[in-house]
N, C-alpha and C. Protein backbone atom coordinates (compact mmCIF):
# COMPACT_ATOMS: atom_id res chain seq x y z
N MET A 1 12.75 -20.11 15.62
CA MET A 1 11.90 -20.40 15.45
C MET A 1 11.58 -21.34 16.86
N ARG A 2 13.33 -21.55 17.71
CA ARG A 2 13.09 -21.94 19.08
C ARG A 2 12.42 -20.24 20.17
N ASN A 3 12.94 -19.46 19.80
CA ASN A 3 13.29 -18.23 20.41
C ASN A 3 11.58 -17.14 19.94
N THR A 4 10.64 -17.45 18.83
CA THR A 4 8.99 -17.71 18.75
C THR A 4 8.65 -18.13 19.52
N TYR A 5 8.67 -19.51 19.75
CA TYR A 5 7.98 -20.16 21.05
C TYR A 5 7.63 -19.62 22.34
N LYS A 6 9.63 -19.60 22.31
CA LYS A 6 9.79 -18.65 23.86
C LYS A 6 8.68 -17.53 24.73
N TYR A 7 9.75 -16.53 23.20
CA TYR A 7 8.93 -15.51 23.81
C TYR A 7 7.26 -14.87 23.91
N THR A 8 6.49 -15.84 23.26
CA THR A 8 5.35 -16.01 23.00
C THR A 8 4.98 -16.69 24.30
N GLN A 9 5.29 -17.84 24.25
CA GLN A 9 4.76 -18.01 26.02
C GLN A 9 4.97 -17.32 26.55
N LEU A 10 6.32 -16.57 27.08
CA LEU A 10 6.66 -15.85 28.21
C LEU A 10 5.02 -14.71 28.02
N TYR A 11 5.27 -13.67 27.29
CA TYR A 11 4.71 -12.69 26.80
C TYR A 11 2.61 -13.25 26.74
N SER A 12 3.05 -13.63 26.11
CA SER A 12 0.83 -13.71 26.15
C SER A 12 0.72 -14.98 26.22
N GLY A 13 1.69 -16.09 26.98
CA GLY A 13 0.97 -17.12 27.45
C GLY A 13 -0.19 -18.08 26.68
N GLY A 14 0.04 -17.96 25.51
CA GLY A 14 -0.49 -18.91 24.30
C GLY A 14 0.61 -19.72 23.72
N MET A 15 0.08 -20.67 23.00
CA MET A 15 0.89 -21.50 21.99
C MET A 15 0.63 -20.63 20.69
N LEU A 16 1.83 -21.07 20.40
CA LEU A 16 1.73 -20.14 18.79
C LEU A 16 1.64 -21.22 17.44
N LYS A 17 1.14 -20.63 16.77
CA LYS A 17 0.52 -21.47 15.61
C LYS A 17 1.62 -21.47 14.13
N PHE A 18 2.23 -22.14 13.59
CA PHE A 18 2.26 -22.01 12.34
C PHE A 18 1.70 -22.94 11.14
N ILE A 19 0.82 -22.43 9.81
CA ILE A 19 0.38 -23.50 9.31
C ILE A 19 0.30 -22.82 7.50
N GLU A 20 1.21 -24.15 7.23
CA GLU A 20 1.06 -24.20 6.25
C GLU A 20 0.84 -24.28 5.13
N ASP A 21 0.87 -23.84 4.50
CA ASP A 21 -0.95 -23.11 3.35
C ASP A 21 0.38 -23.45 1.64
N ASP A 22 -0.91 -23.05 1.14
CA ASP A 22 -0.90 -22.24 -0.29
C ASP A 22 0.23 -20.84 0.15
N VAL A 23 -0.04 -20.84 1.63
CA VAL A 23 0.23 -18.83 1.84
C VAL A 23 0.62 -19.34 3.67
N PHE A 24 1.97 -18.90 4.09
CA PHE A 24 2.11 -19.12 5.17
C PHE A 24 2.00 -18.82 6.38
N ARG A 25 1.03 -19.21 6.94
CA ARG A 25 0.30 -17.78 8.38
C ARG A 25 1.68 -18.30 9.53
N THR A 26 1.20 -17.05 10.44
CA THR A 26 1.74 -17.17 11.47
C THR A 26 0.42 -17.39 12.65
N ILE A 27 -0.19 -17.44 13.59
CA ILE A 27 -1.09 -17.19 14.96
C ILE A 27 -0.66 -16.94 16.06
N ILE A 28 -0.27 -15.66 16.68
CA ILE A 28 0.61 -14.81 17.36
C ILE A 28 -0.91 -14.95 18.37
N PRO A 29 -0.93 -15.35 19.81
CA PRO A 29 -2.37 -15.54 21.01
C PRO A 29 -1.92 -13.49 21.54
N LEU A 30 -2.18 -12.83 21.52
CA LEU A 30 -2.55 -11.87 22.46
C LEU A 30 -2.88 -11.66 23.44
N THR A 31 -3.12 -11.15 24.82
CA THR A 31 -3.99 -11.10 26.04
C THR A 31 -4.52 -9.60 25.78
N SER A 32 -5.26 -9.94 26.57
CA SER A 32 -5.91 -8.31 26.83
C SER A 32 -4.97 -7.42 27.53
N VAL A 33 -4.35 -7.68 28.03
CA VAL A 33 -3.36 -6.70 28.41
C VAL A 33 -2.68 -6.52 27.57
N ALA A 34 -2.20 -6.78 25.81
CA ALA A 34 -1.49 -6.85 25.22
C ALA A 34 -2.28 -5.82 24.15
N VAL A 35 -3.74 -6.37 24.31
CA VAL A 35 -4.83 -5.19 22.86
C VAL A 35 -5.03 -3.55 23.35
N GLU A 36 -4.86 -3.88 25.31
CA GLU A 36 -5.30 -3.23 25.74
C GLU A 36 -4.04 -1.67 25.46
N LYS A 37 -2.79 -2.43 25.50
CA LYS A 37 -1.40 -1.32 25.22
C LYS A 37 -0.96 -0.94 23.50
N ILE A 38 -1.18 -1.87 23.12
CA ILE A 38 -1.59 -1.80 21.58
C ILE A 38 -2.55 -1.44 21.19
N GLY A 39 -4.08 -1.74 21.44
CA GLY A 39 -4.63 -1.08 21.05
C GLY A 39 -5.67 -1.93 19.86
N PRO A 40 -6.59 -2.52 19.81
CA PRO A 40 -6.71 -3.70 18.67
C PRO A 40 -6.17 -2.89 16.52
N TYR A 41 -6.49 -3.97 15.80
CA TYR A 41 -5.70 -4.30 14.40
C TYR A 41 -6.54 -3.23 14.23
N GLU A 42 -8.39 -3.19 14.13
CA GLU A 42 -8.75 -2.21 13.13
C GLU A 42 -8.36 -0.27 13.63
N LYS A 43 -8.34 -0.31 14.34
CA LYS A 43 -7.82 1.10 14.33
C LYS A 43 -6.67 1.77 14.14
N THR A 44 -5.72 0.72 13.16
CA THR A 44 -4.41 0.85 12.89
C THR A 44 -4.66 2.04 11.58
N GLN A 45 -3.90 2.93 11.41
CA GLN A 45 -4.34 4.11 10.42
C GLN A 45 -3.44 3.59 8.87
N VAL A 46 -3.12 2.48 8.45
CA VAL A 46 -2.70 1.56 7.21
C VAL A 46 -3.81 2.46 6.05
N LYS A 47 -2.29 2.31 4.36
CA LYS A 47 -3.51 3.02 3.89
C LYS A 47 -3.53 1.85 2.99
N THR A 48 -4.48 1.30 2.64
CA THR A 48 -4.76 0.20 1.60
C THR A 48 -3.54 0.67 0.31
N GLN A 49 -3.80 -0.14 -0.96
CA GLN A 49 -3.98 -0.11 -1.86
C GLN A 49 -4.70 0.77 -2.56
N VAL A 50 -6.10 0.13 -2.27
CA VAL A 50 -6.87 0.77 -3.27
C VAL A 50 -7.19 1.85 -2.60
N THR A 51 -6.89 2.04 -1.70
CA THR A 51 -7.52 3.91 -1.43
C THR A 51 -6.41 4.82 -1.90
N ILE A 52 -5.69 3.90 -2.40
CA ILE A 52 -4.12 4.91 -2.72
C ILE A 52 -4.32 5.32 -3.94
N TYR A 53 -4.97 3.71 -4.58
CA TYR A 53 -5.47 3.59 -6.17
C TYR A 53 -6.55 4.77 -6.32
N ASP A 54 -7.20 4.74 -5.49
CA ASP A 54 -9.16 5.53 -5.95
C ASP A 54 -8.99 7.58 -4.95
N GLU A 55 -7.36 8.15 -4.68
CA GLU A 55 -6.38 8.96 -4.41
C GLU A 55 -5.87 9.88 -5.71
N ILE A 56 -5.42 7.86 -5.55
CA ILE A 56 -4.46 8.98 -7.36
C ILE A 56 -5.34 9.39 -8.66
N LEU A 57 -6.35 8.55 -8.38
CA LEU A 57 -7.98 8.57 -9.58
C LEU A 57 -8.35 10.48 -9.72
N ALA A 58 -9.07 10.33 -7.98
CA ALA A 58 -9.39 11.67 -7.81
C ALA A 58 -8.44 12.56 -7.82
N PHE A 59 -7.20 12.58 -7.51
CA PHE A 59 -6.26 13.31 -7.74
C PHE A 59 -6.35 14.39 -9.30
N CYS A 60 -6.34 12.81 -10.17
CA CYS A 60 -5.22 13.49 -11.56
C CYS A 60 -6.59 13.91 -12.59
N LEU A 61 -7.79 14.04 -11.82
CA LEU A 61 -9.07 14.82 -12.87
C LEU A 61 -8.29 15.34 -13.59
N GLU A 62 -7.47 16.48 -12.79
CA GLU A 62 -6.66 18.09 -14.09
C GLU A 62 -4.75 17.28 -13.69
N PRO A 63 -4.22 17.50 -14.57
CA PRO A 63 -2.60 17.43 -14.98
C PRO A 63 -2.42 17.33 -14.61
N HIS A 64 -1.21 16.36 -13.91
CA HIS A 64 0.12 16.13 -12.49
C HIS A 64 0.92 15.72 -13.11
N SER A 65 2.44 16.06 -12.35
CA SER A 65 3.48 15.70 -12.71
C SER A 65 3.01 13.60 -11.95
N LYS A 66 4.27 13.62 -12.43
CA LYS A 66 4.59 12.10 -11.43
C LYS A 66 5.02 12.71 -9.84
N ALA A 67 5.98 13.12 -9.52
CA ALA A 67 6.14 13.85 -8.76
C ALA A 67 5.43 14.48 -7.39
N GLU A 68 4.04 15.38 -8.54
CA GLU A 68 2.93 16.40 -7.72
C GLU A 68 2.03 14.54 -7.28
N ILE A 69 1.88 13.87 -8.33
CA ILE A 69 0.60 13.00 -7.53
C ILE A 69 1.44 11.93 -6.90
N ALA A 70 3.00 11.80 -6.48
CA ALA A 70 4.01 10.82 -5.31
C ALA A 70 3.17 11.74 -4.27
N LYS A 71 4.03 13.18 -3.95
CA LYS A 71 4.22 14.09 -3.08
C LYS A 71 2.01 13.96 -2.47
N HIS A 72 2.13 14.05 -2.88
CA HIS A 72 0.11 14.65 -2.70
C HIS A 72 -0.67 12.79 -1.75
N CYS A 73 0.17 11.62 -2.61
CA CYS A 73 -0.31 10.68 -1.17
C CYS A 73 1.11 10.29 -0.36
N GLY A 74 2.01 11.28 -0.29
CA GLY A 74 2.62 11.14 1.13
C GLY A 74 3.47 9.54 0.58
N TYR A 75 4.50 10.20 -1.22
CA TYR A 75 5.77 8.96 -1.91
C TYR A 75 6.36 10.11 -1.55
N LYS A 76 8.39 10.44 -1.55
CA LYS A 76 8.67 10.90 -1.61
C LYS A 76 9.89 10.66 -2.72
N ASN A 77 10.00 8.55 -2.97
CA ASN A 77 10.64 7.74 -4.46
C ASN A 77 9.62 7.59 -4.70
N THR A 78 9.73 8.75 -5.95
CA THR A 78 8.85 8.40 -7.54
C THR A 78 8.84 7.35 -8.33
N LYS A 79 10.22 6.82 -7.67
CA LYS A 79 10.66 5.69 -8.73
C LYS A 79 9.63 4.19 -8.15
N SER A 80 9.81 3.93 -6.79
CA SER A 80 9.15 3.05 -6.30
C SER A 80 7.15 3.14 -6.32
N PHE A 81 6.92 4.54 -5.76
CA PHE A 81 5.56 5.12 -6.69
C PHE A 81 5.04 4.03 -7.74
N THR A 82 5.52 4.99 -8.80
CA THR A 82 5.58 4.49 -9.67
C THR A 82 5.55 3.16 -10.55
N LEU A 83 6.46 2.50 -9.85
CA LEU A 83 6.68 0.53 -10.25
C LEU A 83 4.90 0.30 -9.43
N LYS A 84 4.95 1.35 -8.67
CA LYS A 84 4.38 0.20 -7.29
C LYS A 84 2.41 0.66 -7.10
N TYR A 85 1.74 1.81 -7.64
CA TYR A 85 1.20 2.13 -7.36
C TYR A 85 0.62 3.06 -9.29
N MET A 86 1.16 3.37 -9.76
CA MET A 86 1.43 4.26 -11.10
C MET A 86 1.01 3.30 -12.63
N ARG A 87 2.18 2.92 -12.51
CA ARG A 87 1.99 1.77 -14.03
C ARG A 87 0.89 0.57 -13.81
N PRO A 88 0.86 0.34 -13.15
CA PRO A 88 -0.80 -0.78 -12.94
C PRO A 88 -2.06 -0.56 -13.15
N LEU A 89 -1.79 1.20 -12.77
CA LEU A 89 -2.94 2.05 -13.65
C LEU A 89 -2.66 2.59 -15.70
N LEU A 90 -1.41 2.82 -15.45
CA LEU A 90 -1.26 3.68 -16.91
C LEU A 90 -1.97 1.78 -17.62
N ASP A 91 -1.15 0.76 -16.79
CA ASP A 91 -1.34 -1.10 -17.48
C ASP A 91 -3.17 -1.37 -18.01
N ASN A 92 -3.65 -0.48 -16.36
CA ASN A 92 -5.36 -0.51 -16.82
C ASN A 92 -6.10 0.43 -17.73
N GLN A 93 -5.58 1.54 -18.15
CA GLN A 93 -5.38 2.52 -18.78
C GLN A 93 -6.75 3.13 -18.31
N THR A 94 -6.85 3.26 -16.33
CA THR A 94 -7.72 4.44 -16.24
C THR A 94 -6.99 5.62 -15.45
N LEU A 95 -5.67 4.91 -15.65
CA LEU A 95 -4.80 7.29 -16.09
C LEU A 95 -4.13 6.54 -17.11
N LYS A 96 -4.11 7.57 -17.78
CA LYS A 96 -3.14 8.15 -19.01
C LYS A 96 -2.61 9.48 -18.63
N MET A 97 -1.48 9.38 -20.25
CA MET A 97 -0.35 10.35 -19.96
C MET A 97 -1.12 11.95 -21.14
N THR A 98 -1.04 12.70 -20.90
CA THR A 98 -0.91 14.55 -21.57
C THR A 98 -0.37 14.22 -23.13
N ILE A 99 1.11 13.40 -22.95
CA ILE A 99 1.76 13.09 -24.25
C ILE A 99 2.17 11.49 -24.13
N PRO A 100 2.08 11.12 -24.95
CA PRO A 100 1.34 9.44 -24.99
C PRO A 100 2.96 9.50 -25.53
N ASP A 101 3.15 10.08 -26.44
CA ASP A 101 4.13 9.56 -28.09
C ASP A 101 5.82 9.87 -27.31
N LYS A 102 5.79 10.45 -25.79
CA LYS A 102 7.32 10.61 -24.88
C LYS A 102 7.23 10.39 -24.16
N PRO A 103 6.76 9.10 -23.51
CA PRO A 103 6.57 8.71 -22.15
C PRO A 103 7.71 9.16 -20.94
N ASN A 104 8.85 9.26 -21.87
CA ASN A 104 9.92 10.52 -20.75
C ASN A 104 9.81 11.69 -20.93
N SER A 105 9.08 12.07 -21.50
CA SER A 105 8.99 13.89 -21.23
C SER A 105 9.77 13.99 -19.85
N ARG A 106 9.61 15.62 -19.95
CA ARG A 106 10.16 16.40 -18.52
C ARG A 106 8.45 16.93 -17.98
N ASN A 107 7.63 16.98 -19.53
CA ASN A 107 7.17 18.00 -19.17
C ASN A 107 5.49 17.02 -19.26
N GLN A 108 6.16 15.06 -19.01
CA GLN A 108 4.84 14.55 -18.70
C GLN A 108 4.19 14.64 -17.71
N LYS A 109 3.18 14.49 -18.03
CA LYS A 109 1.80 15.04 -17.13
C LYS A 109 0.26 13.59 -17.13
N TYR A 110 0.30 13.11 -15.61
CA TYR A 110 -1.16 11.75 -15.90
C TYR A 110 -2.32 12.88 -15.76
N ILE A 111 -3.52 12.07 -16.16
CA ILE A 111 -5.21 12.12 -16.05
C ILE A 111 -5.90 11.18 -15.57
N THR A 112 -6.56 11.06 -15.57
CA THR A 112 -7.51 10.15 -14.89
C THR A 112 -8.30 9.80 -16.61
N ASN A 113 -8.49 8.47 -16.96
CA ASN A 113 -8.95 8.66 -18.35
C ASN A 113 -10.59 8.36 -17.40
N THR A 114 -11.55 9.38 -18.49
CA THR A 114 -12.69 9.59 -17.99
C THR A 114 -13.55 8.96 -19.53
N SER A 115 -13.13 8.42 -20.28
CA SER A 115 -14.13 7.70 -21.49
C SER A 115 -13.87 6.31 -21.36
N LEU A 116 -13.65 5.37 -19.42
CA LEU A 116 -13.76 4.22 -19.37
C LEU A 116 -15.01 3.82 -19.38
């Protein structure tokens, strides 16, 4: 905490704010020089979960394996990709398995559920 206050005052000249509510937030003031060097926040190229979900559903209009879907979205680890993105789509039935009786089949593929 001390270093956070110390370095915020040194580098930005402003006062740091910690807001403790239901969600803990920190507000770090930036000088115009810092924004010019880094760039505004809106220009960052961060994929949101919503766009990844849309990307998966669009890609799975034809059946694809879990590895193919993860590779298409730029992920190497299929385990974490499955937990974070595919499992919610399977749970709310927007994505379905081609072999639902054998969920662990090596021939398992996934397709967008167009009947919803």
